[in-house]
Amino acid sequence: MSKKKILLAIFFSIIIIFATVFTTDLIRCENNQKPIFCIETQTYNDGGSKQYVGLFYNYYSIKIINPEKTEDNDAPEYLTDKVITPWFFSIKYAKKKAFNHNE
């Protein structure tokens, strides 16, 4: 085998591994589960949101205090969602993506 074929095989193997890792966390995000291939990096004081960082993506587990909750209604105390964003996207973007929440 030539060097070119070996490098090409390594490149495609890396792409397949990344796609598998990302797809696994994406499916877990859609099913409201914690990520497998990410590391928790930050916890926010907005109700308990957490940021997890994976390879080229962020996984946010968002939990904020429900602004519509009052003593008179049965609305949930917290709003929760899970969002995957590209690297370098902030929690503000994730909250907006999750439930149009502007902070």
C-alpha atoms as a PDB file:
ATOM      1  CA  MET A   1       0.000   0.000   0.000  1.00  0.00           C
ATOM      2  CA  SER A   2       1.194   3.466  -0.781  1.00  0.00           C
ATOM      3  CA  LYS A   3       1.485   6.275   1.740  1.00  0.00           C
ATOM      4  CA  LYS A   4      -1.355   8.096   0.037  1.00  0.00           C
ATOM      5  CA  LYS A   5      -3.762   5.185   0.522  1.00  0.00           C
ATOM      6  CA  ILE A   6      -2.742   4.785   4.157  1.00  0.00           C
ATOM      7  CA  LEU A   7      -3.286   8.488   4.869  1.00  0.00           C
ATOM      8  CA  LEU A   8      -6.621   8.380   3.069  1.00  0.00           C
ATOM      9  CA  ALA A   9      -7.709   5.355   5.143  1.00  0.00           C
ATOM     10  CA  ILE A  10      -6.659   7.109   8.365  1.00  0.00           C
ATOM     11  CA  PHE A  11      -8.524  10.281   7.344  1.00  0.00           C
ATOM     12  CA  PHE A  12     -11.747   8.424   6.572  1.00  0.00           C
ATOM     13  CA  SER A  13     -11.447   6.411   9.794  1.00  0.00           C
ATOM     14  CA  ILE A  14     -11.206   9.633  11.801  1.00  0.00           C
ATOM     15  CA  ILE A  15     -14.248  11.051   9.990  1.00  0.00           C
ATOM     16  CA  ILE A  16     -16.273   7.889  10.683  1.00  0.00           C
ATOM     17  CA  ILE A  17     -15.283   7.876  14.361  1.00  0.00           C
ATOM     18  CA  PHE A  18     -16.212  11.565  14.761  1.00  0.00           C
ATOM     19  CA  ALA A  19     -19.558  11.019  12.993  1.00  0.00           C
ATOM     20  CA  THR A  20     -20.333   8.081  15.272  1.00  0.00           C
ATOM     21  CA  VAL A  21     -19.444  10.028  18.436  1.00  0.00           C
ATOM     22  CA  PHE A  22     -21.438  13.095  17.375  1.00  0.00           C
ATOM     23  CA  THR A  23     -24.445  11.057  16.257  1.00  0.00           C
ATOM     24  CA  THR A  24     -24.521   9.179  19.573  1.00  0.00           C
ATOM     25  CA  ASP A  25     -24.600  12.419  21.584  1.00  0.00           C
ATOM     26  CA  LEU A  26     -27.131  13.945  19.168  1.00  0.00           C
ATOM     27  CA  ILE A  27     -29.504  11.006  19.664  1.00  0.00           C
ATOM     28  CA  ARG A  28     -29.023  11.226  23.435  1.00  0.00           C
ATOM     29  CA  CYS A  29     -29.782  14.974  23.247  1.00  0.00           C
ATOM     30  CA  GLU A  30     -33.032  14.322  21.405  1.00  0.00           C
ATOM     31  CA  ASN A  31     -33.970  11.742  24.065  1.00  0.00           C
ATOM     32  CA  ASN A  32     -33.188  14.101  26.989  1.00  0.00           C
ATOM     33  CA  GLN A  33     -30.213  12.059  28.207  1.00  0.00           C
ATOM     34  CA  LYS A  34     -26.735  13.058  29.372  1.00  0.00           C
ATOM     35  CA  PRO A  35     -23.981  12.921  26.742  1.00  0.00           C
ATOM     36  CA  ILE A  36     -21.482  10.077  26.656  1.00  0.00           C
ATOM     37  CA  PHE A  37     -18.617  11.609  24.679  1.00  0.00           C
ATOM     38  CA  CYS A  38     -18.497  15.056  26.324  1.00  0.00           C
ATOM     39  CA  ILE A  39     -16.859  16.457  29.442  1.00  0.00           C
ATOM     40  CA  GLU A  40     -18.796  18.697  31.833  1.00  0.00           C
ATOM     41  CA  THR A  41     -16.998  22.031  31.904  1.00  0.00           C
ATOM     42  CA  GLN A  42     -19.335  24.539  33.510  1.00  0.00           C
ATOM     43  CA  THR A  43     -22.435  24.878  35.697  1.00  0.00           C
ATOM     44  CA  TYR A  44     -24.475  28.082  35.517  1.00  0.00           C
ATOM     45  CA  ASN A  45     -26.407  29.841  38.299  1.00  0.00           C
ATOM     46  CA  ASP A  46     -29.579  30.228  36.263  1.00  0.00           C
ATOM     47  CA  GLY A  47     -31.390  27.255  37.730  1.00  0.00           C
ATOM     48  CA  GLY A  48     -28.789  24.570  37.103  1.00  0.00           C
ATOM     49  CA  SER A  49     -27.789  24.676  33.427  1.00  0.00           C
ATOM     50  CA  LYS A  50     -24.635  22.756  32.484  1.00  0.00           C
ATOM     51  CA  GLN A  51     -22.230  22.913  29.589  1.00  0.00           C
ATOM     52  CA  TYR A  52     -20.486  19.823  28.243  1.00  0.00           C
ATOM     53  CA  VAL A  53     -17.766  20.052  25.604  1.00  0.00           C
ATOM     54  CA  GLY A  54     -17.209  17.429  22.943  1.00  0.00           C
ATOM     55  CA  LEU A  55     -14.962  17.348  19.910  1.00  0.00           C
ATOM     56  CA  PHE A  56     -16.050  20.399  17.862  1.00  0.00           C
ATOM     57  CA  TYR A  57     -19.418  20.775  19.609  1.00  0.00           C
ATOM     58  CA  ASN A  58     -21.042  21.896  22.883  1.00  0.00           C
ATOM     59  CA  TYR A  59     -23.830  20.024  24.612  1.00  0.00           C
ATOM     60  CA  TYR A  60     -25.966  22.202  26.873  1.00  0.00           C
ATOM     61  CA  SER A  61     -28.320  20.822  29.492  1.00  0.00           C
ATOM     62  CA  ILE A  62     -30.443  23.892  30.114  1.00  0.00           C
ATOM     63  CA  LYS A  63     -32.485  24.345  33.285  1.00  0.00           C
ATOM     64  CA  ILE A  64     -33.857  27.803  34.023  1.00  0.00           C
ATOM     65  CA  ILE A  65     -36.448  29.160  36.417  1.00  0.00           C
ATOM     66  CA  ASN A  66     -39.775  29.488  34.622  1.00  0.00           C
ATOM     67  CA  PRO A  67     -40.630  33.212  34.305  1.00  0.00           C
ATOM     68  CA  GLU A  68     -44.337  32.331  33.871  1.00  0.00           C
ATOM     69  CA  LYS A  69     -44.567  30.450  37.175  1.00  0.00           C
ATOM     70  CA  THR A  70     -46.760  32.121  39.763  1.00  0.00           C
ATOM     71  CA  GLU A  71     -48.522  30.914  42.880  1.00  0.00           C
ATOM     72  CA  ASP A  72     -51.819  31.050  40.965  1.00  0.00           C
ATOM     73  CA  ASN A  73     -50.927  28.667  38.129  1.00  0.00           C
ATOM     74  CA  ASP A  74     -49.697  25.113  37.782  1.00  0.00           C
ATOM     75  CA  ALA A  75     -46.808  25.934  35.440  1.00  0.00           C
ATOM     76  CA  PRO A  76     -43.604  23.995  36.113  1.00  0.00           C
ATOM     77  CA  GLU A  77     -41.039  25.695  38.346  1.00  0.00           C
ATOM     78  CA  TYR A  78     -38.200  25.050  35.862  1.00  0.00           C
ATOM     79  CA  LEU A  79     -37.919  24.900  32.091  1.00  0.00           C
ATOM     80  CA  THR A  80     -35.489  22.251  30.840  1.00  0.00           C
ATOM     81  CA  ASP A  81     -34.080  21.244  27.475  1.00  0.00           C
ATOM     82  CA  LYS A  82     -30.940  19.810  25.909  1.00  0.00           C
ATOM     83  CA  VAL A  83     -29.205  21.513  22.958  1.00  0.00           C
ATOM     84  CA  ILE A  84     -26.156  20.761  20.824  1.00  0.00           C
ATOM     85  CA  THR A  85     -24.322  23.732  19.317  1.00  0.00           C
ATOM     86  CA  PRO A  86     -21.067  24.201  17.428  1.00  0.00           C
ATOM     87  CA  TRP A  87     -17.976  25.122  19.425  1.00  0.00           C
ATOM     88  CA  PHE A  88     -17.772  28.739  20.598  1.00  0.00           C
ATOM     89  CA  PHE A  89     -21.547  29.251  20.737  1.00  0.00           C
ATOM     90  CA  SER A  90     -22.663  30.647  24.092  1.00  0.00           C
ATOM     91  CA  ILE A  91     -25.347  29.512  26.482  1.00  0.00           C
ATOM     92  CA  LYS A  92     -27.405  32.517  25.387  1.00  0.00           C
ATOM     93  CA  TYR A  93     -27.602  31.033  21.896  1.00  0.00           C
ATOM     94  CA  ALA A  94     -28.506  27.613  23.336  1.00  0.00           C
ATOM     95  CA  LYS A  95     -31.293  29.118  25.463  1.00  0.00           C
ATOM     96  CA  LYS A  96     -32.661  30.987  22.474  1.00  0.00           C
ATOM     97  CA  LYS A  97     -32.519  27.808  20.407  1.00  0.00           C
ATOM     98  CA  ALA A  98     -34.169  25.796  23.199  1.00  0.00           C
ATOM     99  CA  PHE A  99     -37.173  27.987  23.953  1.00  0.00           C
ATOM    100  CA  ASN A 100     -36.747  31.472  22.488  1.00  0.00           C
ATOM    101  CA  HIS A 101     -35.449  32.741  25.823  1.00  0.00           C
ATOM    102  CA  ASN A 102     -33.677  36.103  25.701  1.00  0.00           C
ATOM    103  CA  GLU A 103     -31.552  37.019  28.656  1.00  0.00           C
END
